[in-house]
Amino acid sequence: MSGSVNQAPTSEDAEEPLQRMVEAIKRGEHGGYVPFDPQGHTVQIG
């Protein structure tokens, strides 16, 4: 997701893509996402 030149996306801009991501993860469709732990290291799923 991107904003415009020199401006990050707003919370409203981020809401719909975030909801699509949440729904995909709930359906088990997480192949396109990379999870990170609190220290910033990647976490393997499955």
PDB file of N, CA and C in Angstrom:
ATOM      1  N   MET A   1       0.855  -1.155   0.000  1.00  0.00           N
ATOM      2  CA  MET A   1       0.000   0.000   0.000  1.00  0.00           C
ATOM      3  C   MET A   1       0.904   1.221   0.000  1.00  0.00           C
ATOM      4  N   SER A   2       0.541   2.188  -0.752  1.00  0.00           N
ATOM      5  CA  SER A   2       1.358   3.395  -0.797  1.00  0.00           C
ATOM      6  C   SER A   2       0.474   4.616  -0.627  1.00  0.00           C
ATOM      7  N   GLY A   3       1.097   5.697  -0.251  1.00  0.00           N
ATOM      8  CA  GLY A   3       0.409   6.970  -0.149  1.00  0.00           C
ATOM      9  C   GLY A   3       0.639   7.732  -1.432  1.00  0.00           C
ATOM     10  N   SER A   4       0.754   9.022  -1.297  1.00  0.00           N
ATOM     11  CA  SER A   4       1.095   9.840  -2.446  1.00  0.00           C
ATOM     12  C   SER A   4       2.474  10.438  -2.189  1.00  0.00           C
ATOM     13  N   VAL A   5       2.945  11.232  -3.113  1.00  0.00           N
ATOM     14  CA  VAL A   5       4.283  11.809  -2.983  1.00  0.00           C
ATOM     15  C   VAL A   5       4.416  12.534  -1.651  1.00  0.00           C
ATOM     16  N   ASN A   6       5.420  12.138  -0.871  1.00  0.00           N
ATOM     17  CA  ASN A   6       5.729  12.751   0.424  1.00  0.00           C
ATOM     18  C   ASN A   6       4.606  12.645   1.451  1.00  0.00           C
ATOM     19  N   GLN A   7       3.676  11.725   1.274  1.00  0.00           N
ATOM     20  CA  GLN A   7       2.585  11.590   2.235  1.00  0.00           C
ATOM     21  C   GLN A   7       2.209  10.120   2.408  1.00  0.00           C
ATOM     22  N   ALA A   8       2.249   9.657   3.637  1.00  0.00           N
ATOM     23  CA  ALA A   8       1.855   8.279   3.934  1.00  0.00           C
ATOM     24  C   ALA A   8       0.345   8.133   3.780  1.00  0.00           C
ATOM     25  N   PRO A   9      -0.145   6.898   3.579  1.00  0.00           N
ATOM     26  CA  PRO A   9      -1.594   6.706   3.498  1.00  0.00           C
ATOM     27  C   PRO A   9      -2.257   7.035   4.833  1.00  0.00           C
ATOM     28  N   THR A  10      -3.476   7.489   4.770  1.00  0.00           N
ATOM     29  CA  THR A  10      -4.227   7.804   5.985  1.00  0.00           C
ATOM     30  C   THR A  10      -4.790   6.522   6.587  1.00  0.00           C
ATOM     31  N   SER A  11      -5.292   6.612   7.807  1.00  0.00           N
ATOM     32  CA  SER A  11      -5.944   5.464   8.434  1.00  0.00           C
ATOM     33  C   SER A  11      -7.121   4.990   7.595  1.00  0.00           C
ATOM     34  N   GLU A  12      -7.846   5.914   7.016  1.00  0.00           N
ATOM     35  CA  GLU A  12      -8.991   5.553   6.175  1.00  0.00           C
ATOM     36  C   GLU A  12      -8.522   4.813   4.926  1.00  0.00           C
ATOM     37  N   ASP A  13      -7.388   5.248   4.352  1.00  0.00           N
ATOM     38  CA  ASP A  13      -6.841   4.568   3.174  1.00  0.00           C
ATOM     39  C   ASP A  13      -6.426   3.140   3.513  1.00  0.00           C
ATOM     40  N   ALA A  14      -5.957   2.914   4.730  1.00  0.00           N
ATOM     41  CA  ALA A  14      -5.447   1.613   5.138  1.00  0.00           C
ATOM     42  C   ALA A  14      -6.542   0.648   5.587  1.00  0.00           C
ATOM     43  N   GLU A  15      -7.705   1.133   5.934  1.00  0.00           N
ATOM     44  CA  GLU A  15      -8.750   0.294   6.529  1.00  0.00           C
ATOM     45  C   GLU A  15      -9.188  -0.863   5.625  1.00  0.00           C
ATOM     46  N   GLU A  16      -9.534  -0.583   4.385  1.00  0.00           N
ATOM     47  CA  GLU A  16     -10.030  -1.650   3.500  1.00  0.00           C
ATOM     48  C   GLU A  16      -8.962  -2.708   3.213  1.00  0.00           C
ATOM     49  N   PRO A  17      -7.733  -2.328   2.835  1.00  0.00           N
ATOM     50  CA  PRO A  17      -6.709  -3.362   2.626  1.00  0.00           C
ATOM     51  C   PRO A  17      -6.425  -4.172   3.893  1.00  0.00           C
ATOM     52  N   LEU A  18      -6.448  -3.527   5.047  1.00  0.00           N
ATOM     53  CA  LEU A  18      -6.227  -4.233   6.297  1.00  0.00           C
ATOM     54  C   LEU A  18      -7.331  -5.254   6.548  1.00  0.00           C
ATOM     55  N   GLN A  19      -8.561  -4.890   6.317  1.00  0.00           N
ATOM     56  CA  GLN A  19      -9.676  -5.816   6.514  1.00  0.00           C
ATOM     57  C   GLN A  19      -9.588  -6.999   5.553  1.00  0.00           C
ATOM     58  N   ARG A  20      -9.168  -6.750   4.296  1.00  0.00           N
ATOM     59  CA  ARG A  20      -8.986  -7.851   3.342  1.00  0.00           C
ATOM     60  C   ARG A  20      -7.900  -8.802   3.829  1.00  0.00           C
ATOM     61  N   MET A  21      -6.813  -8.258   4.384  1.00  0.00           N
ATOM     62  CA  MET A  21      -5.737  -9.092   4.913  1.00  0.00           C
ATOM     63  C   MET A  21      -6.235  -9.941   6.075  1.00  0.00           C
ATOM     64  N   VAL A  22      -6.982  -9.336   6.988  1.00  0.00           N
ATOM     65  CA  VAL A  22      -7.508 -10.058   8.151  1.00  0.00           C
ATOM     66  C   VAL A  22      -8.417 -11.193   7.697  1.00  0.00           C
ATOM     67  N   GLU A  23      -9.299 -10.925   6.763  1.00  0.00           N
ATOM     68  CA  GLU A  23     -10.219 -11.959   6.281  1.00  0.00           C
ATOM     69  C   GLU A  23      -9.466 -13.079   5.576  1.00  0.00           C
ATOM     70  N   ALA A  24      -8.448 -12.758   4.801  1.00  0.00           N
ATOM     71  CA  ALA A  24      -7.649 -13.791   4.125  1.00  0.00           C
ATOM     72  C   ALA A  24      -6.957 -14.678   5.149  1.00  0.00           C
ATOM     73  N   ILE A  25      -6.400 -14.092   6.183  1.00  0.00           N
ATOM     74  CA  ILE A  25      -5.724 -14.872   7.222  1.00  0.00           C
ATOM     75  C   ILE A  25      -6.715 -15.754   7.958  1.00  0.00           C
ATOM     76  N   LYS A  26      -7.904 -15.246   8.228  1.00  0.00           N
ATOM     77  CA  LYS A  26      -8.935 -16.064   8.880  1.00  0.00           C
ATOM     78  C   LYS A  26      -9.301 -17.275   8.033  1.00  0.00           C
ATOM     79  N   ARG A  27      -9.239 -17.122   6.703  1.00  0.00           N
ATOM     80  CA  ARG A  27      -9.546 -18.235   5.798  1.00  0.00           C
ATOM     81  C   ARG A  27      -8.350 -19.167   5.630  1.00  0.00           C
ATOM     82  N   GLY A  28      -7.228 -18.845   6.261  1.00  0.00           N
ATOM     83  CA  GLY A  28      -6.032 -19.677   6.142  1.00  0.00           C
ATOM     84  C   GLY A  28      -5.186 -19.346   4.939  1.00  0.00           C
ATOM     85  N   GLU A  29      -5.477 -18.250   4.282  1.00  0.00           N
ATOM     86  CA  GLU A  29      -4.744 -17.833   3.081  1.00  0.00           C
ATOM     87  C   GLU A  29      -3.610 -16.891   3.489  1.00  0.00           C
ATOM     88  N   HIS A  30      -2.569 -17.454   4.071  1.00  0.00           N
ATOM     89  CA  HIS A  30      -1.487 -16.620   4.590  1.00  0.00           C
ATOM     90  C   HIS A  30      -0.190 -16.778   3.799  1.00  0.00           C
ATOM     91  N   GLY A  31      -0.234 -17.439   2.646  1.00  0.00           N
ATOM     92  CA  GLY A  31       0.965 -17.675   1.852  1.00  0.00           C
ATOM     93  C   GLY A  31       1.640 -16.405   1.351  1.00  0.00           C
ATOM     94  N   GLY A  32       0.893 -15.339   1.192  1.00  0.00           N
ATOM     95  CA  GLY A  32       1.465 -14.100   0.672  1.00  0.00           C
ATOM     96  C   GLY A  32       1.939 -13.133   1.742  1.00  0.00           C
ATOM     97  N   TYR A  33       1.930 -13.585   3.000  1.00  0.00           N
ATOM     98  CA  TYR A  33       2.300 -12.698   4.103  1.00  0.00           C
ATOM     99  C   TYR A  33       3.515 -13.242   4.843  1.00  0.00           C
ATOM    100  N   VAL A  34       4.350 -12.364   5.344  1.00  0.00           N
ATOM    101  CA  VAL A  34       5.522 -12.757   6.118  1.00  0.00           C
ATOM    102  C   VAL A  34       5.316 -12.266   7.548  1.00  0.00           C
ATOM    103  N   PRO A  35       5.136 -13.191   8.507  1.00  0.00           N
ATOM    104  CA  PRO A  35       4.962 -12.768   9.904  1.00  0.00           C
ATOM    105  C   PRO A  35       6.306 -12.486  10.569  1.00  0.00           C
ATOM    106  N   PHE A  36       6.304 -11.538  11.493  1.00  0.00           N
ATOM    107  CA  PHE A  36       7.485 -11.174  12.257  1.00  0.00           C
ATOM    108  C   PHE A  36       7.188 -11.290  13.746  1.00  0.00           C
ATOM    109  N   ASP A  37       8.205 -11.693  14.520  1.00  0.00           N
ATOM    110  CA  ASP A  37       8.051 -11.726  15.974  1.00  0.00           C
ATOM    111  C   ASP A  37       8.332 -10.330  16.531  1.00  0.00           C
ATOM    112  N   PRO A  38       8.139 -10.120  17.825  1.00  0.00           N
ATOM    113  CA  PRO A  38       8.345  -8.783  18.406  1.00  0.00           C
ATOM    114  C   PRO A  38       9.758  -8.224  18.218  1.00  0.00           C
ATOM    115  N   GLN A  39      10.742  -9.115  17.996  1.00  0.00           N
ATOM    116  CA  GLN A  39      12.104  -8.647  17.781  1.00  0.00           C
ATOM    117  C   GLN A  39      12.391  -8.339  16.315  1.00  0.00           C
ATOM    118  N   GLY A  40      11.420  -8.576  15.446  1.00  0.00           N
ATOM    119  CA  GLY A  40      11.594  -8.271  14.031  1.00  0.00           C
ATOM    120  C   GLY A  40      12.126  -9.415  13.191  1.00  0.00           C
ATOM    121  N   HIS A  41      12.217 -10.619  13.777  1.00  0.00           N
ATOM    122  CA  HIS A  41      12.666 -11.792  13.045  1.00  0.00           C
ATOM    123  C   HIS A  41      11.478 -12.476  12.370  1.00  0.00           C
ATOM    124  N   THR A  42      11.719 -13.049  11.198  1.00  0.00           N
ATOM    125  CA  THR A  42      10.635 -13.756  10.512  1.00  0.00           C
ATOM    126  C   THR A  42      10.249 -15.009  11.294  1.00  0.00           C
ATOM    127  N   VAL A  43       8.975 -15.380  11.197  1.00  0.00           N
ATOM    128  CA  VAL A  43       8.435 -16.545  11.885  1.00  0.00           C
ATOM    129  C   VAL A  43       7.933 -17.508  10.829  1.00  0.00           C
ATOM    130  N   GLN A  44       8.313 -18.781  10.939  1.00  0.00           N
ATOM    131  CA  GLN A  44       7.831 -19.781   9.999  1.00  0.00           C
ATOM    132  C   GLN A  44       6.471 -20.314  10.442  1.00  0.00           C
ATOM    133  N   ILE A  45       5.577 -20.486   9.472  1.00  0.00           N
ATOM    134  CA  ILE A  45       4.242 -21.006   9.746  1.00  0.00           C
ATOM    135  C   ILE A  45       4.167 -22.410   9.160  1.00  0.00           C
ATOM    136  N   GLY A  46       3.574 -23.297   9.934  1.00  0.00           N
ATOM    137  CA  GLY A  46       3.323 -24.635   9.451  1.00  0.00           C
ATOM    138  C   GLY A  46       4.516 -25.463   9.548  1.00  0.00           C
TER     139      GLY A  46
END
